[in-house]
């Protein structure tokens, strides 16, 4: 794949995306984004997480120059947004709030029209570029079908193909696997990794926390318009101690021993008992279970997930909208 064009530097090592005290207050006083300081490293796959109403979509719209911030600054590829939108946006591929498609046109003709609207696109190589983009997202066989007959997942693929018509330094994706079946989700995850390997920074919002864990190198968590934390995906969960898990055909007895040993939040399943990981020596706890006649078939600490970290940080469940 052709690498994204190297133009000017991203600006004093501040990141491909950098916001400082970025704030958006809507009419009527609603504070949608409150003092956001966000840094997206070059070459990262950056997951943007948050429950319903947390300010994710408002943030993305400010980054893309679609709405003006009330205060604060946003820089994309080292340039201020929205002031430098004309210089920045040709280097950015975006799929935000679903693709805008002409239903009466085929998938191929939609992409041809997208490409023709790009003043930097060479018309002599347009058809080859469109064919390559369709192939990358697995839509070659459906390229001649009208877009109105596409499923939601196929429309997502076509929107992603539109974002990939030209080499991009930054790709901004809002729920990129929405509507895809498991196989399609795996294909898009693989594509995102390939793009990052080729030098494209990928910024994506998703409500699928396990997906973020599988594909992202970095992540940020939003709640109620404020940034809760940001960092590498590994570090976000590393600060949490995982849960103790005991696999046993004697769950009732195991739960009693764990509670007597000071283990909190004990949850009993059919052949599985879990609880808050204790601070003390695990071998002593295992010995106490065996001494009490509990048949222990599995014993250990389950690694904390990004979902665990999200719940601990926000105290909220997760929702698709942002």
C-alpha atoms as a PDB file:
ATOM      1  CA  UNK A   1       0.000   0.000   0.000  1.00  0.00           C
ATOM      2  CA  UNK A   2       1.174   3.544  -0.753  1.00  0.00           C
ATOM      3  CA  UNK A   3       2.180   5.349   2.392  1.00  0.00           C
ATOM      4  CA  UNK A   4       0.403   8.565   3.419  1.00  0.00           C
ATOM      5  CA  UNK A   5       2.152  11.624   1.993  1.00  0.00           C
ATOM      6  CA  UNK A   6       4.769  13.189   4.219  1.00  0.00           C
ATOM      7  CA  UNK A   7       3.980  16.897   4.419  1.00  0.00           C
ATOM      8  CA  UNK A   8       4.736  19.159   7.329  1.00  0.00           C
ATOM      9  CA  UNK A   9       5.493  17.714  10.774  1.00  0.00           C
ATOM     10  CA  UNK A  10       2.660  17.156  13.206  1.00  0.00           C
ATOM     11  CA  UNK A  11       3.869  19.995  15.368  1.00  0.00           C
ATOM     12  CA  UNK A  12       6.415  19.884  18.191  1.00  0.00           C
ATOM     13  CA  UNK A  13       5.699  16.253  19.020  1.00  0.00           C
ATOM     14  CA  UNK A  14       2.260  17.198  20.308  1.00  0.00           C
ATOM     15  CA  UNK A  15       0.506  14.328  18.541  1.00  0.00           C
ATOM     16  CA  UNK A  16      -1.539  13.870  15.390  1.00  0.00           C
ATOM     17  CA  UNK A  17      -4.533  15.154  17.384  1.00  0.00           C
ATOM     18  CA  UNK A  18      -4.017  17.515  20.313  1.00  0.00           C
ATOM     19  CA  UNK A  19      -6.682  19.432  22.220  1.00  0.00           C
ATOM     20  CA  UNK A  20      -6.157  21.852  25.070  1.00  0.00           C
ATOM     21  CA  UNK A  21      -9.049  22.863  27.347  1.00  0.00           C
ATOM     22  CA  UNK A  22     -11.407  22.102  24.447  1.00  0.00           C
ATOM     23  CA  UNK A  23     -14.940  23.038  25.496  1.00  0.00           C
ATOM     24  CA  UNK A  24     -18.334  23.020  23.789  1.00  0.00           C
ATOM     25  CA  UNK A  25     -21.383  24.545  25.443  1.00  0.00           C
ATOM     26  CA  UNK A  26     -24.619  24.478  23.465  1.00  0.00           C
ATOM     27  CA  UNK A  27     -27.357  27.078  23.602  1.00  0.00           C
ATOM     28  CA  UNK A  28     -29.363  26.660  26.755  1.00  0.00           C
ATOM     29  CA  UNK A  29     -26.218  25.996  28.767  1.00  0.00           C
ATOM     30  CA  UNK A  30     -25.675  22.284  28.063  1.00  0.00           C
ATOM     31  CA  UNK A  31     -21.973  21.537  28.545  1.00  0.00           C
ATOM     32  CA  UNK A  32     -21.196  18.758  26.050  1.00  0.00           C
ATOM     33  CA  UNK A  33     -17.381  18.788  26.278  1.00  0.00           C
ATOM     34  CA  UNK A  34     -15.633  20.286  29.298  1.00  0.00           C
ATOM     35  CA  UNK A  35     -11.942  21.265  29.179  1.00  0.00           C
ATOM     36  CA  UNK A  36     -10.708  18.315  27.114  1.00  0.00           C
ATOM     37  CA  UNK A  37      -6.925  17.733  26.963  1.00  0.00           C
ATOM     38  CA  UNK A  38      -6.418  14.891  24.498  1.00  0.00           C
ATOM     39  CA  UNK A  39      -3.232  13.694  22.768  1.00  0.00           C
ATOM     40  CA  UNK A  40      -3.276  11.059  20.013  1.00  0.00           C
ATOM     41  CA  UNK A  41       0.251   9.762  19.222  1.00  0.00           C
ATOM     42  CA  UNK A  42       1.333   9.404  15.605  1.00  0.00           C
ATOM     43  CA  UNK A  43       1.013   5.845  14.319  1.00  0.00           C
ATOM     44  CA  UNK A  44      -1.362   4.765  17.091  1.00  0.00           C
ATOM     45  CA  UNK A  45      -4.732   3.055  16.837  1.00  0.00           C
ATOM     46  CA  UNK A  46      -6.563   5.209  19.353  1.00  0.00           C
ATOM     47  CA  UNK A  47      -9.865   4.077  20.876  1.00  0.00           C
ATOM     48  CA  UNK A  48     -12.300   6.759  22.046  1.00  0.00           C
ATOM     49  CA  UNK A  49     -14.681   5.389  24.692  1.00  0.00           C
ATOM     50  CA  UNK A  50     -17.582   6.773  26.652  1.00  0.00           C
ATOM     51  CA  UNK A  51     -21.194   6.114  27.667  1.00  0.00           C
ATOM     52  CA  UNK A  52     -24.220   7.772  26.123  1.00  0.00           C
ATOM     53  CA  UNK A  53     -23.942  11.569  26.236  1.00  0.00           C
ATOM     54  CA  UNK A  54     -20.276  11.592  27.239  1.00  0.00           C
ATOM     55  CA  UNK A  55     -19.249  14.013  24.478  1.00  0.00           C
ATOM     56  CA  UNK A  56     -17.507  11.664  22.017  1.00  0.00           C
ATOM     57  CA  UNK A  57     -19.395  12.676  18.884  1.00  0.00           C
ATOM     58  CA  UNK A  58     -19.278  16.383  19.774  1.00  0.00           C
ATOM     59  CA  UNK A  59     -15.499  16.059  20.175  1.00  0.00           C
ATOM     60  CA  UNK A  60     -15.116  14.339  16.797  1.00  0.00           C
ATOM     61  CA  UNK A  61     -17.236  17.003  15.102  1.00  0.00           C
ATOM     62  CA  UNK A  62     -14.996  19.740  16.552  1.00  0.00           C
ATOM     63  CA  UNK A  63     -11.852  17.885  15.456  1.00  0.00           C
ATOM     64  CA  UNK A  64     -13.186  17.672  11.896  1.00  0.00           C
ATOM     65  CA  UNK A  65     -14.165  21.346  11.821  1.00  0.00           C
ATOM     66  CA  UNK A  66     -17.886  20.575  11.578  1.00  0.00           C
ATOM     67  CA  UNK A  67     -18.708  22.692  14.644  1.00  0.00           C
ATOM     68  CA  UNK A  68     -16.832  25.474  16.436  1.00  0.00           C
ATOM     69  CA  UNK A  69     -15.638  25.021  20.023  1.00  0.00           C
ATOM     70  CA  UNK A  70     -16.901  27.447  22.652  1.00  0.00           C
ATOM     71  CA  UNK A  71     -13.350  27.767  23.983  1.00  0.00           C
ATOM     72  CA  UNK A  72     -10.030  25.974  23.971  1.00  0.00           C
ATOM     73  CA  UNK A  73      -8.089  24.680  20.985  1.00  0.00           C
ATOM     74  CA  UNK A  74      -7.968  21.641  18.722  1.00  0.00           C
ATOM     75  CA  UNK A  75      -5.018  20.860  16.462  1.00  0.00           C
ATOM     76  CA  UNK A  76      -5.087  18.111  13.833  1.00  0.00           C
ATOM     77  CA  UNK A  77      -1.871  17.193  11.994  1.00  0.00           C
ATOM     78  CA  UNK A  78      -0.253  20.155  13.723  1.00  0.00           C
ATOM     79  CA  UNK A  79      -2.758  22.693  12.362  1.00  0.00           C
ATOM     80  CA  UNK A  80      -5.545  24.570  14.196  1.00  0.00           C
ATOM     81  CA  UNK A  81      -9.098  23.442  13.525  1.00  0.00           C
ATOM     82  CA  UNK A  82     -11.447  24.591  12.138  1.00  0.00           C
ATOM     83  CA  UNK A  83      -9.277  27.418  10.768  1.00  0.00           C
ATOM     84  CA  UNK A  84      -6.964  25.107   8.796  1.00  0.00           C
ATOM     85  CA  UNK A  85      -9.701  22.696   7.650  1.00  0.00           C
ATOM     86  CA  UNK A  86      -8.965  23.220   3.934  1.00  0.00           C
ATOM     87  CA  UNK A  87      -5.335  22.192   4.398  1.00  0.00           C
ATOM     88  CA  UNK A  88      -5.959  19.393   6.894  1.00  0.00           C
ATOM     89  CA  UNK A  89      -9.054  17.543   5.682  1.00  0.00           C
ATOM     90  CA  UNK A  90      -7.586  16.285   2.365  1.00  0.00           C
ATOM     91  CA  UNK A  91      -5.127  14.308   4.515  1.00  0.00           C
ATOM     92  CA  UNK A  92      -7.893  12.859   6.714  1.00  0.00           C
ATOM     93  CA  UNK A  93     -10.253  10.020   5.895  1.00  0.00           C
ATOM     94  CA  UNK A  94     -13.428  10.046   7.975  1.00  0.00           C
ATOM     95  CA  UNK A  95     -16.474   7.870   8.560  1.00  0.00           C
ATOM     96  CA  UNK A  96     -18.674   9.803  11.003  1.00  0.00           C
ATOM     97  CA  UNK A  97     -22.274   8.984  11.995  1.00  0.00           C
ATOM     98  CA  UNK A  98     -22.621   6.576   9.085  1.00  0.00           C
ATOM     99  CA  UNK A  99     -21.779   7.160   5.412  1.00  0.00           C
ATOM    100  CA  UNK A 100     -23.793   9.586   3.246  1.00  0.00           C
ATOM    101  CA  UNK A 101     -24.707   7.565   0.157  1.00  0.00           C
ATOM    102  CA  UNK A 102     -26.755   8.049  -2.996  1.00  0.00           C
ATOM    103  CA  UNK A 103     -29.179   5.143  -2.848  1.00  0.00           C
ATOM    104  CA  UNK A 104     -29.966   5.213  -6.580  1.00  0.00           C
ATOM    105  CA  UNK A 105     -26.287   4.794  -7.491  1.00  0.00           C
ATOM    106  CA  UNK A 106     -24.262   1.600  -7.313  1.00  0.00           C
ATOM    107  CA  UNK A 107     -21.553   1.208  -4.713  1.00  0.00           C
ATOM    108  CA  UNK A 108     -18.915   1.744  -7.405  1.00  0.00           C
ATOM    109  CA  UNK A 109     -20.632   4.885  -8.744  1.00  0.00           C
ATOM    110  CA  UNK A 110     -20.908   6.304  -5.225  1.00  0.00           C
ATOM    111  CA  UNK A 111     -17.145   5.993  -4.851  1.00  0.00           C
ATOM    112  CA  UNK A 112     -16.519   7.461  -8.299  1.00  0.00           C
ATOM    113  CA  UNK A 113     -18.577  10.477  -7.284  1.00  0.00           C
ATOM    114  CA  UNK A 114     -16.731  10.800  -3.965  1.00  0.00           C
ATOM    115  CA  UNK A 115     -13.410  10.651  -5.763  1.00  0.00           C
ATOM    116  CA  UNK A 116     -14.463  13.197  -8.394  1.00  0.00           C
ATOM    117  CA  UNK A 117     -15.311  15.662  -5.617  1.00  0.00           C
ATOM    118  CA  UNK A 118     -11.716  15.514  -4.333  1.00  0.00           C
ATOM    119  CA  UNK A 119      -9.701  18.277  -6.045  1.00  0.00           C
ATOM    120  CA  UNK A 120      -6.452  16.428  -5.297  1.00  0.00           C
ATOM    121  CA  UNK A 121      -7.577  13.181  -7.002  1.00  0.00           C
ATOM    122  CA  UNK A 122      -6.090  12.329 -10.417  1.00  0.00           C
ATOM    123  CA  UNK A 123      -9.029  11.489 -12.738  1.00  0.00           C
ATOM    124  CA  UNK A 124      -6.779   9.288 -14.899  1.00  0.00           C
ATOM    125  CA  UNK A 125      -6.380   6.746 -12.070  1.00  0.00           C
ATOM    126  CA  UNK A 126      -9.862   7.136 -10.579  1.00  0.00           C
ATOM    127  CA  UNK A 127     -11.316   3.779 -11.630  1.00  0.00           C
ATOM    128  CA  UNK A 128      -8.260   1.872 -10.454  1.00  0.00           C
ATOM    129  CA  UNK A 129      -8.365   3.698  -7.112  1.00  0.00           C
ATOM    130  CA  UNK A 130     -12.070   2.905  -6.650  1.00  0.00           C
ATOM    131  CA  UNK A 131     -11.514  -0.762  -7.552  1.00  0.00           C
ATOM    132  CA  UNK A 132      -8.687  -1.023  -5.018  1.00  0.00           C
ATOM    133  CA  UNK A 133     -10.802   0.564  -2.252  1.00  0.00           C
ATOM    134  CA  UNK A 134     -13.722  -1.794  -2.968  1.00  0.00           C
ATOM    135  CA  UNK A 135     -11.370  -4.767  -2.829  1.00  0.00           C
ATOM    136  CA  UNK A 136      -9.878  -3.664   0.512  1.00  0.00           C
ATOM    137  CA  UNK A 137     -13.292  -3.688   2.204  1.00  0.00           C
ATOM    138  CA  UNK A 138     -14.611  -6.841   0.489  1.00  0.00           C
ATOM    139  CA  UNK A 139     -17.218  -5.197  -1.741  1.00  0.00           C
ATOM    140  CA  UNK A 140     -15.932  -6.052  -5.217  1.00  0.00           C
ATOM    141  CA  UNK A 141     -18.709  -8.587  -5.865  1.00  0.00           C
ATOM    142  CA  UNK A 142     -21.413  -6.103  -4.778  1.00  0.00           C
ATOM    143  CA  UNK A 143     -19.913  -3.051  -6.501  1.00  0.00           C
ATOM    144  CA  UNK A 144     -22.611  -2.968  -9.190  1.00  0.00           C
ATOM    145  CA  UNK A 145     -25.547  -3.220  -6.777  1.00  0.00           C
ATOM    146  CA  UNK A 146     -27.472  -0.037  -5.891  1.00  0.00           C
ATOM    147  CA  UNK A 147     -26.537   1.328  -2.493  1.00  0.00           C
ATOM    148  CA  UNK A 148     -30.178   1.407  -1.340  1.00  0.00           C
ATOM    149  CA  UNK A 149     -30.136  -2.398  -1.518  1.00  0.00           C
ATOM    150  CA  UNK A 150     -27.042  -2.624   0.717  1.00  0.00           C
ATOM    151  CA  UNK A 151     -27.322  -3.941   4.249  1.00  0.00           C
ATOM    152  CA  UNK A 152     -26.168  -1.720   7.124  1.00  0.00           C
ATOM    153  CA  UNK A 153     -22.866  -3.598   7.264  1.00  0.00           C
ATOM    154  CA  UNK A 154     -22.315  -3.177   3.502  1.00  0.00           C
ATOM    155  CA  UNK A 155     -23.014   0.555   3.804  1.00  0.00           C
ATOM    156  CA  UNK A 156     -20.401   0.756   6.580  1.00  0.00           C
ATOM    157  CA  UNK A 157     -17.907  -1.009   4.322  1.00  0.00           C
ATOM    158  CA  UNK A 158     -18.672   1.394   1.470  1.00  0.00           C
ATOM    159  CA  UNK A 159     -18.211   4.385   3.758  1.00  0.00           C
ATOM    160  CA  UNK A 160     -14.864   2.985   4.860  1.00  0.00           C
ATOM    161  CA  UNK A 161     -13.890   2.453   1.211  1.00  0.00           C
ATOM    162  CA  UNK A 162     -14.665   6.134   0.547  1.00  0.00           C
ATOM    163  CA  UNK A 163     -12.319   7.103   3.377  1.00  0.00           C
ATOM    164  CA  UNK A 164      -9.579   4.940   1.827  1.00  0.00           C
ATOM    165  CA  UNK A 165      -9.692   6.287  -1.736  1.00  0.00           C
ATOM    166  CA  UNK A 166      -6.522   8.281  -1.088  1.00  0.00           C
ATOM    167  CA  UNK A 167      -3.577   7.581   1.232  1.00  0.00           C
ATOM    168  CA  UNK A 168      -4.389   9.274   4.553  1.00  0.00           C
ATOM    169  CA  UNK A 169      -2.239  10.426   7.427  1.00  0.00           C
ATOM    170  CA  UNK A 170      -5.226  10.166   9.785  1.00  0.00           C
ATOM    171  CA  UNK A 171      -8.347   8.017   9.658  1.00  0.00           C
ATOM    172  CA  UNK A 172     -11.291   8.973  11.927  1.00  0.00           C
ATOM    173  CA  UNK A 173     -13.878   6.205  12.321  1.00  0.00           C
ATOM    174  CA  UNK A 174     -17.137   6.447  14.258  1.00  0.00           C
ATOM    175  CA  UNK A 175     -18.398   2.918  15.073  1.00  0.00           C
ATOM    176  CA  UNK A 176     -16.642   1.337  12.049  1.00  0.00           C
ATOM    177  CA  UNK A 177     -17.987  -2.199  12.636  1.00  0.00           C
ATOM    178  CA  UNK A 178     -21.603  -1.146  13.187  1.00  0.00           C
ATOM    179  CA  UNK A 179     -23.898  -3.656  11.479  1.00  0.00           C
ATOM    180  CA  UNK A 180     -21.144  -6.110  10.540  1.00  0.00           C
ATOM    181  CA  UNK A 181     -21.289  -9.830  11.254  1.00  0.00           C
ATOM    182  CA  UNK A 182     -18.411 -11.405  13.242  1.00  0.00           C
ATOM    183  CA  UNK A 183     -16.441 -12.227  10.093  1.00  0.00           C
ATOM    184  CA  UNK A 184     -16.841  -8.675   8.800  1.00  0.00           C
ATOM    185  CA  UNK A 185     -15.727  -7.291  12.166  1.00  0.00           C
ATOM    186  CA  UNK A 186     -12.572  -9.423  12.040  1.00  0.00           C
ATOM    187  CA  UNK A 187     -11.843  -8.194   8.509  1.00  0.00           C
ATOM    188  CA  UNK A 188     -12.215  -4.535   9.505  1.00  0.00           C
ATOM    189  CA  UNK A 189     -10.001  -5.060  12.575  1.00  0.00           C
ATOM    190  CA  UNK A 190      -7.339  -6.586  10.310  1.00  0.00           C
ATOM    191  CA  UNK A 191      -7.675  -3.666   7.889  1.00  0.00           C
ATOM    192  CA  UNK A 192      -7.265  -1.130  10.711  1.00  0.00           C
ATOM    193  CA  UNK A 193      -4.075  -2.878  11.864  1.00  0.00           C
ATOM    194  CA  UNK A 194      -2.731  -2.886   8.289  1.00  0.00           C
ATOM    195  CA  UNK A 195      -3.424   0.826   7.925  1.00  0.00           C
ATOM    196  CA  UNK A 196      -1.576   1.540  11.175  1.00  0.00           C
ATOM    197  CA  UNK A 197       1.356  -0.600  10.021  1.00  0.00           C
ATOM    198  CA  UNK A 198       1.470   1.509   6.835  1.00  0.00           C
ATOM    199  CA  UNK A 199       1.842   4.696   8.882  1.00  0.00           C
ATOM    200  CA  UNK A 200      -1.764   5.888   9.163  1.00  0.00           C
ATOM    201  CA  UNK A 201      -2.925   7.020  12.597  1.00  0.00           C
ATOM    202  CA  UNK A 202      -6.410   5.605  13.298  1.00  0.00           C
ATOM    203  CA  UNK A 203      -8.794   7.328  15.722  1.00  0.00           C
ATOM    204  CA  UNK A 204     -11.954   5.311  16.334  1.00  0.00           C
ATOM    205  CA  UNK A 205     -14.919   5.450  18.660  1.00  0.00           C
ATOM    206  CA  UNK A 206     -16.622   2.202  19.547  1.00  0.00           C
ATOM    207  CA  UNK A 207     -19.048   0.807  22.092  1.00  0.00           C
ATOM    208  CA  UNK A 208     -17.417  -2.628  21.774  1.00  0.00           C
ATOM    209  CA  UNK A 209     -14.840  -2.667  24.545  1.00  0.00           C
ATOM    210  CA  UNK A 210     -13.397  -6.051  23.606  1.00  0.00           C
ATOM    211  CA  UNK A 211     -12.908  -4.722  20.084  1.00  0.00           C
ATOM    212  CA  UNK A 212     -10.924  -1.771  21.446  1.00  0.00           C
ATOM    213  CA  UNK A 213      -8.774  -4.199  23.434  1.00  0.00           C
ATOM    214  CA  UNK A 214      -8.075  -6.306  20.351  1.00  0.00           C
ATOM    215  CA  UNK A 215      -7.235  -3.559  17.871  1.00  0.00           C
ATOM    216  CA  UNK A 216      -6.203  -0.381  19.729  1.00  0.00           C
ATOM    217  CA  UNK A 217      -2.803   0.567  21.095  1.00  0.00           C
ATOM    218  CA  UNK A 218      -4.091   3.591  23.053  1.00  0.00           C
ATOM    219  CA  UNK A 219      -7.448   4.707  24.411  1.00  0.00           C
ATOM    220  CA  UNK A 220      -9.231   7.554  26.171  1.00  0.00           C
ATOM    221  CA  UNK A 221     -12.310   7.324  28.384  1.00  0.00           C
ATOM    222  CA  UNK A 222     -14.925  10.103  28.448  1.00  0.00           C
ATOM    223  CA  UNK A 223     -17.762  10.546  30.955  1.00  0.00           C
ATOM    224  CA  UNK A 224     -20.197  13.470  31.316  1.00  0.00           C
ATOM    225  CA  UNK A 225     -18.200  15.619  28.908  1.00  0.00           C
ATOM    226  CA  UNK A 226     -14.884  15.227  30.720  1.00  0.00           C
ATOM    227  CA  UNK A 227     -11.811  13.139  30.012  1.00  0.00           C
ATOM    228  CA  UNK A 228     -11.438  10.514  32.754  1.00  0.00           C
ATOM    229  CA  UNK A 229      -8.165   8.977  31.603  1.00  0.00           C
ATOM    230  CA  UNK A 230      -6.022   8.274  28.555  1.00  0.00           C
ATOM    231  CA  UNK A 231      -2.997   6.114  27.866  1.00  0.00           C
ATOM    232  CA  UNK A 232      -2.003   2.781  26.380  1.00  0.00           C
ATOM    233  CA  UNK A 233      -4.684   0.098  26.475  1.00  0.00           C
ATOM    234  CA  UNK A 234      -2.393  -2.127  28.542  1.00  0.00           C
ATOM    235  CA  UNK A 235      -1.822   0.588  31.138  1.00  0.00           C
ATOM    236  CA  UNK A 236      -5.517   1.456  31.519  1.00  0.00           C
ATOM    237  CA  UNK A 237      -6.321  -2.026  32.826  1.00  0.00           C
ATOM    238  CA  UNK A 238      -2.957  -2.606  34.533  1.00  0.00           C
ATOM    239  CA  UNK A 239      -3.865  -0.452  37.522  1.00  0.00           C
ATOM    240  CA  UNK A 240      -6.749  -2.756  38.406  1.00  0.00           C
ATOM    241  CA  UNK A 241      -6.290  -6.022  40.235  1.00  0.00           C
ATOM    242  CA  UNK A 242      -8.158  -8.802  38.471  1.00  0.00           C
ATOM    243  CA  UNK A 243     -10.764 -11.014  40.160  1.00  0.00           C
ATOM    244  CA  UNK A 244      -9.972 -14.222  41.999  1.00  0.00           C
ATOM    245  CA  UNK A 245     -11.636 -17.191  40.301  1.00  0.00           C
ATOM    246  CA  UNK A 246     -12.130 -20.652  41.801  1.00  0.00           C
ATOM    247  CA  UNK A 247     -13.434 -23.479  39.608  1.00  0.00           C
ATOM    248  CA  UNK A 248     -15.001 -26.188  41.750  1.00  0.00           C
ATOM    249  CA  UNK A 249     -17.939 -28.620  41.938  1.00  0.00           C
ATOM    250  CA  UNK A 250     -18.442 -27.310  45.516  1.00  0.00           C
ATOM    251  CA  UNK A 251     -19.326 -23.628  44.893  1.00  0.00           C
ATOM    252  CA  UNK A 252     -21.300 -23.159  48.121  1.00  0.00           C
ATOM    253  CA  UNK A 253     -18.475 -24.367  50.348  1.00  0.00           C
ATOM    254  CA  UNK A 254     -15.921 -22.418  48.333  1.00  0.00           C
ATOM    255  CA  UNK A 255     -17.929 -19.202  48.697  1.00  0.00           C
ATOM    256  CA  UNK A 256     -18.166 -19.714  52.478  1.00  0.00           C
ATOM    257  CA  UNK A 257     -14.391 -20.208  52.824  1.00  0.00           C
ATOM    258  CA  UNK A 258     -13.644 -17.166  50.654  1.00  0.00           C
ATOM    259  CA  UNK A 259     -15.959 -14.957  52.717  1.00  0.00           C
ATOM    260  CA  UNK A 260     -14.490 -16.259  55.988  1.00  0.00           C
ATOM    261  CA  UNK A 261     -11.029 -15.442  54.590  1.00  0.00           C
ATOM    262  CA  UNK A 262     -12.033 -11.833  53.958  1.00  0.00           C
ATOM    263  CA  UNK A 263     -12.666 -11.990  50.197  1.00  0.00           C
ATOM    264  CA  UNK A 264     -15.247  -9.377  49.172  1.00  0.00           C
ATOM    265  CA  UNK A 265     -17.876  -9.259  46.423  1.00  0.00           C
ATOM    266  CA  UNK A 266     -18.165 -13.057  46.198  1.00  0.00           C
ATOM    267  CA  UNK A 267     -20.227 -14.188  43.203  1.00  0.00           C
ATOM    268  CA  UNK A 268     -21.349 -17.832  43.017  1.00  0.00           C
ATOM    269  CA  UNK A 269     -21.945 -19.622  39.718  1.00  0.00           C
ATOM    270  CA  UNK A 270     -22.682 -23.238  38.845  1.00  0.00           C
ATOM    271  CA  UNK A 271     -19.070 -24.428  39.110  1.00  0.00           C
ATOM    272  CA  UNK A 272     -17.307 -21.095  39.455  1.00  0.00           C
ATOM    273  CA  UNK A 273     -16.878 -18.698  42.349  1.00  0.00           C
ATOM    274  CA  UNK A 274     -15.246 -15.303  41.981  1.00  0.00           C
ATOM    275  CA  UNK A 275     -14.405 -12.439  44.295  1.00  0.00           C
ATOM    276  CA  UNK A 276     -12.206  -9.392  44.766  1.00  0.00           C
ATOM    277  CA  UNK A 277      -8.581 -10.414  44.582  1.00  0.00           C
ATOM    278  CA  UNK A 278      -7.124 -10.373  48.114  1.00  0.00           C
ATOM    279  CA  UNK A 279      -3.932  -8.527  49.006  1.00  0.00           C
ATOM    280  CA  UNK A 280      -2.424 -11.472  50.887  1.00  0.00           C
ATOM    281  CA  UNK A 281      -0.726 -14.673  49.773  1.00  0.00           C
ATOM    282  CA  UNK A 282      -2.904 -16.651  47.364  1.00  0.00           C
ATOM    283  CA  UNK A 283      -1.309 -19.962  48.346  1.00  0.00           C
ATOM    284  CA  UNK A 284      -2.718 -19.606  51.883  1.00  0.00           C
ATOM    285  CA  UNK A 285      -6.214 -19.068  50.478  1.00  0.00           C
ATOM    286  CA  UNK A 286      -5.890 -22.103  48.225  1.00  0.00           C
ATOM    287  CA  UNK A 287      -4.738 -24.166  51.204  1.00  0.00           C
ATOM    288  CA  UNK A 288      -7.760 -23.008  53.227  1.00  0.00           C
ATOM    289  CA  UNK A 289     -10.092 -24.179  50.465  1.00  0.00           C
ATOM    290  CA  UNK A 290      -8.433 -27.599  50.277  1.00  0.00           C
ATOM    291  CA  UNK A 291      -8.418 -27.961  54.080  1.00  0.00           C
ATOM    292  CA  UNK A 292     -12.159 -27.314  54.097  1.00  0.00           C
ATOM    293  CA  UNK A 293     -12.695 -30.189  51.673  1.00  0.00           C
ATOM    294  CA  UNK A 294     -13.371 -28.003  48.644  1.00  0.00           C
ATOM    295  CA  UNK A 295     -12.374 -29.783  45.417  1.00  0.00           C
ATOM    296  CA  UNK A 296     -10.392 -27.087  43.619  1.00  0.00           C
ATOM    297  CA  UNK A 297     -10.134 -27.657  39.861  1.00  0.00           C
ATOM    298  CA  UNK A 298      -9.008 -24.161  38.959  1.00  0.00           C
ATOM    299  CA  UNK A 299      -7.605 -21.285  41.001  1.00  0.00           C
ATOM    300  CA  UNK A 300      -6.115 -17.963  39.959  1.00  0.00           C
ATOM    301  CA  UNK A 301      -6.456 -14.283  39.165  1.00  0.00           C
ATOM    302  CA  UNK A 302      -8.363 -13.320  36.034  1.00  0.00           C
ATOM    303  CA  UNK A 303      -6.754 -10.352  34.262  1.00  0.00           C
ATOM    304  CA  UNK A 304      -8.706  -7.124  34.528  1.00  0.00           C
ATOM    305  CA  UNK A 305     -10.254  -6.130  31.195  1.00  0.00           C
ATOM    306  CA  UNK A 306     -10.731  -2.730  29.613  1.00  0.00           C
ATOM    307  CA  UNK A 307     -14.407  -3.096  30.527  1.00  0.00           C
ATOM    308  CA  UNK A 308     -13.445  -3.535  34.181  1.00  0.00           C
ATOM    309  CA  UNK A 309     -11.325  -0.383  33.944  1.00  0.00           C
ATOM    310  CA  UNK A 310     -14.144   1.513  32.252  1.00  0.00           C
ATOM    311  CA  UNK A 311     -16.642   0.559  34.948  1.00  0.00           C
ATOM    312  CA  UNK A 312     -14.183   1.420  37.713  1.00  0.00           C
ATOM    313  CA  UNK A 313     -13.413   4.808  36.164  1.00  0.00           C
ATOM    314  CA  UNK A 314     -16.915   5.949  35.236  1.00  0.00           C
ATOM    315  CA  UNK A 315     -19.210   3.914  37.469  1.00  0.00           C
ATOM    316  CA  UNK A 316     -21.490   3.619  34.433  1.00  0.00           C
ATOM    317  CA  UNK A 317     -22.610   1.024  31.939  1.00  0.00           C
ATOM    318  CA  UNK A 318     -21.752   1.474  28.290  1.00  0.00           C
ATOM    319  CA  UNK A 319     -24.000   2.692  25.507  1.00  0.00           C
ATOM    320  CA  UNK A 320     -23.622   2.926  21.752  1.00  0.00           C
ATOM    321  CA  UNK A 321     -24.379   6.635  21.351  1.00  0.00           C
ATOM    322  CA  UNK A 322     -21.972   9.378  22.275  1.00  0.00           C
END
